[in-house]
Amino acid sequence: MADEKGKAEGNEADLELDGGGKKKKMMIIIIAVVVLLAGGGGYFFFMGGDSGSTAEQTAASEDGESSAGNSNGGDEDQGASVGTALYVPMPRPFRFNVPGAARDRFVEIRVQLLVRGADNEENAKMNVPLIESTLLNIFSQGNADDLATSAGKEALKQQSLEAVQFVMKDLEGNKTVEKVLFTGFVMQ
């Protein structure tokens, strides 16, 4: 009977351990589910909210650009300012020498083009060699002293944009490119 009593007490102890272990497992599972739900809710909140506000901002900016374009006489093509923003990277960086007051400088510029809409993206990609040639001509006309300042870089971007838009308007019938962006600029 003592053996049976010892066995019975041992079984009760096992049951208590199993019950405590089950409670711990259940708590861990519940905590994991809550964390996953909170993470999913947070992701939905942040990603869902951003896409909605971006669409509203895009629609508002397109309306503003359309009205601004129409006030300029109405004969300009709106192709460069309609659609989603897409970036067309130039396949290789531009490397060239520019003269300076003290000495010549080596410059490397990485460029991406901001275009609006898939049609303009395709036009830009089709004409990459022409765009590269145009940009290299503009870049090589620069002066090292001017390129050392931020105002000189901005002026170079503006000259580049005007030249690329002129070439694309002549070739494709619309400006195609909205902005020329320098994603890397090194001068030695």
Protein backbone atom coordinates (compact mmCIF):
# COMPACT_ATOMS: atom_id res chain seq x y z
CA MET A 1 0.00 0.00 0.00
CA ALA A 2 2.91 2.30 0.73
CA ASP A 3 4.15 1.59 -2.77
CA GLU A 4 0.76 2.37 -4.21
CA LYS A 5 0.58 5.52 -2.12
CA GLY A 6 4.06 6.55 -3.36
CA LYS A 7 3.05 5.87 -6.95
CA ALA A 8 -0.16 7.85 -6.52
CA GLU A 9 1.75 10.79 -5.06
CA GLY A 10 4.24 10.56 -7.95
CA ASN A 11 1.39 10.64 -10.51
CA GLU A 12 -0.12 13.70 -8.84
CA ALA A 13 3.27 15.43 -8.99
CA ASP A 14 3.55 14.55 -12.69
CA LEU A 15 0.08 15.93 -13.28
CA GLU A 16 0.96 19.15 -11.52
CA LEU A 17 4.12 19.54 -13.61
CA ASP A 18 2.22 18.79 -16.82
CA GLY A 19 -0.49 21.26 -15.87
CA GLY A 20 2.10 23.97 -15.18
CA GLY A 21 3.94 23.14 -18.41
CA LYS A 22 0.70 23.30 -20.37
CA LYS A 23 -0.08 26.69 -18.87
CA LYS A 24 3.39 27.96 -19.81
CA LYS A 25 3.05 26.60 -23.36
CA MET A 26 -0.39 28.17 -23.68
CA MET A 27 0.91 31.54 -22.44
CA ILE A 28 3.81 31.43 -24.90
CA ILE A 29 1.45 30.62 -27.78
CA ILE A 30 -0.94 33.42 -26.78
CA ILE A 31 1.92 35.93 -26.48
CA ALA A 32 3.29 34.87 -29.88
CA VAL A 33 -0.14 35.27 -31.51
CA VAL A 34 -0.61 38.72 -29.93
CA VAL A 35 2.84 39.83 -31.08
CA LEU A 36 2.19 38.59 -34.63
CA LEU A 37 -1.20 40.29 -34.75
CA ALA A 38 0.27 43.53 -33.43
CA GLY A 39 3.08 43.36 -35.98
CA GLY A 40 0.64 42.67 -38.81
CA GLY A 41 -1.64 45.47 -37.65
CA GLY A 42 1.29 47.87 -37.42
CA TYR A 43 2.48 46.91 -40.89
CA PHE A 44 -1.01 47.36 -42.34
CA PHE A 45 -1.42 50.69 -40.54
CA PHE A 46 1.90 52.14 -41.71
CA MET A 47 1.94 50.70 -45.22
CA GLY A 48 -1.77 51.15 -45.86
CA GLY A 49 -1.71 54.73 -44.61
CA ASP A 50 1.35 55.68 -46.69
CA SER A 51 -0.02 54.39 -49.99
CA GLY A 52 -3.33 56.20 -49.49
CA SER A 53 -1.72 59.50 -48.63
CA THR A 54 0.82 59.12 -51.46
CA ALA A 55 -1.98 58.57 -53.96
CA GLU A 56 -3.79 61.65 -52.64
CA GLN A 57 -0.59 63.72 -52.73
CA THR A 58 0.19 62.52 -56.25
CA ALA A 59 -3.30 63.42 -57.46
CA ALA A 60 -3.05 66.85 -55.82
CA SER A 61 0.40 67.53 -57.28
CA GLU A 62 -0.73 66.41 -60.75
CA ASP A 63 -3.69 68.79 -60.55
CA GLY A 64 -1.37 71.60 -59.49
CA GLU A 65 1.09 70.85 -62.29
CA SER A 66 -1.70 70.63 -64.86
CA SER A 67 -3.11 74.02 -63.91
CA ALA A 68 0.41 75.50 -63.82
CA GLY A 69 1.15 74.06 -67.26
CA ASN A 70 -2.05 75.46 -68.73
CA SER A 71 -1.27 78.96 -67.46
CA ASN A 72 1.99 79.01 -69.45
CA GLY A 73 0.21 79.39 -72.76
CA GLY A 74 -1.13 75.84 -73.13
CA ASP A 75 1.13 74.87 -76.05
CA GLU A 76 3.60 72.91 -73.89
CA ASP A 77 3.25 69.13 -73.87
CA GLN A 78 2.13 67.78 -70.51
CA GLY A 79 3.68 64.33 -71.17
CA ALA A 80 6.58 64.90 -68.76
CA SER A 81 4.36 65.71 -65.76
CA VAL A 82 1.59 63.06 -65.98
CA GLY A 83 1.79 59.63 -64.37
CA THR A 84 3.77 57.99 -61.64
CA ALA A 85 7.36 58.97 -60.97
CA LEU A 86 9.85 56.46 -62.37
CA TYR A 87 13.62 56.62 -62.30
CA VAL A 88 15.80 55.61 -65.23
CA PRO A 89 19.43 55.10 -64.21
CA MET A 90 22.19 55.74 -66.69
CA PRO A 91 24.01 52.44 -67.14
CA ARG A 92 27.46 53.76 -66.23
CA PRO A 93 28.82 56.82 -64.49
CA PHE A 94 30.10 59.78 -66.49
CA ARG A 95 33.87 60.18 -66.09
CA PHE A 96 35.62 63.18 -67.58
CA ASN A 97 38.22 65.88 -67.00
CA VAL A 98 37.38 69.54 -66.53
CA PRO A 99 39.79 72.47 -66.51
CA GLY A 100 40.29 74.47 -63.34
CA ALA A 101 42.17 77.64 -62.42
CA ALA A 102 44.96 75.79 -60.61
CA ARG A 103 44.77 72.39 -62.33
CA ASP A 104 42.51 70.07 -64.27
CA ARG A 105 40.14 67.92 -62.23
CA PHE A 106 38.74 64.44 -62.77
CA VAL A 107 34.97 64.21 -62.25
CA GLU A 108 32.67 61.22 -61.92
CA ILE A 109 28.90 61.76 -61.91
CA ARG A 110 26.23 59.09 -61.50
CA VAL A 111 22.92 60.14 -63.03
CA GLN A 112 19.30 59.03 -62.88
CA LEU A 113 16.45 60.56 -64.85
CA LEU A 114 13.05 61.25 -63.30
CA VAL A 115 10.28 60.50 -65.80
CA ARG A 116 6.51 60.29 -65.44
CA GLY A 117 4.63 57.28 -66.77
CA ALA A 118 5.64 54.04 -68.43
CA ASP A 119 5.67 55.52 -71.95
CA ASN A 120 8.24 58.15 -70.99
CA GLU A 121 10.28 55.50 -69.18
CA GLU A 122 10.39 53.39 -72.34
CA ASN A 123 11.30 56.45 -74.46
CA ALA A 124 14.16 57.29 -72.09
CA LYS A 125 15.43 53.70 -72.02
CA MET A 126 15.30 53.45 -75.81
CA ASN A 127 17.32 56.64 -76.20
CA VAL A 128 19.96 56.10 -73.49
CA PRO A 129 22.92 56.47 -75.89
CA LEU A 130 21.61 59.82 -77.15
CA ILE A 131 20.92 61.01 -73.60
CA GLU A 132 24.39 59.90 -72.47
CA SER A 133 26.00 61.77 -75.34
CA THR A 134 24.02 64.91 -74.59
CA LEU A 135 24.85 64.78 -70.89
CA LEU A 136 28.54 64.17 -71.53
CA ASN A 137 28.67 67.19 -73.86
CA ILE A 138 27.10 69.39 -71.18
CA PHE A 139 29.23 67.97 -68.36
CA SER A 140 32.51 68.39 -70.21
CA GLN A 141 31.78 72.09 -70.84
CA GLY A 142 31.90 72.70 -67.09
CA ASN A 143 34.60 74.37 -65.08
CA ALA A 144 36.17 72.72 -62.01
CA ASP A 145 35.86 75.92 -59.98
CA ASP A 146 32.12 76.12 -60.72
CA LEU A 147 31.53 72.42 -60.05
CA ALA A 148 33.13 72.74 -56.62
CA THR A 149 30.16 74.85 -55.41
CA SER A 150 26.60 73.70 -54.84
CA ALA A 151 25.32 76.54 -57.04
CA GLY A 152 27.56 75.29 -59.85
CA LYS A 153 26.19 71.75 -59.46
CA GLU A 154 22.61 73.04 -59.55
CA ALA A 155 23.37 75.07 -62.67
CA LEU A 156 24.88 71.97 -64.28
CA LYS A 157 21.73 69.97 -63.44
CA GLN A 158 19.55 72.67 -64.98
CA GLN A 159 21.67 72.87 -68.15
CA SER A 160 21.59 69.08 -68.40
CA LEU A 161 17.82 68.98 -68.00
CA GLU A 162 17.25 71.64 -70.65
CA ALA A 163 19.58 69.89 -73.11
CA VAL A 164 18.00 66.45 -72.57
CA GLN A 165 14.46 67.86 -72.83
CA PHE A 166 15.39 69.69 -76.04
CA VAL A 167 16.80 66.52 -77.62
CA MET A 168 13.87 64.35 -76.48
CA LYS A 169 11.26 66.87 -77.62
CA ASP A 170 12.94 66.98 -81.03
CA LEU A 171 13.09 63.16 -81.22
CA GLU A 172 9.94 61.94 -79.43
CA GLY A 173 7.67 64.98 -79.55
CA ASN A 174 7.58 65.50 -75.77
CA LYS A 175 10.08 66.42 -73.07
CA THR A 176 10.04 62.87 -71.57
CA VAL A 177 12.43 63.76 -68.70
CA GLU A 178 11.20 65.80 -65.74
CA LYS A 179 14.46 66.00 -63.77
CA VAL A 180 18.12 65.05 -64.01
CA LEU A 181 19.28 63.74 -60.64
CA PHE A 182 22.91 63.37 -59.55
CA THR A 183 23.05 60.25 -57.41
CA GLY A 184 26.83 60.42 -57.11
CA PHE A 185 29.27 63.27 -57.60
CA VAL A 186 33.03 62.90 -57.11
CA MET A 187 35.66 65.44 -58.08
CA GLN A 188 39.38 64.86 -57.59
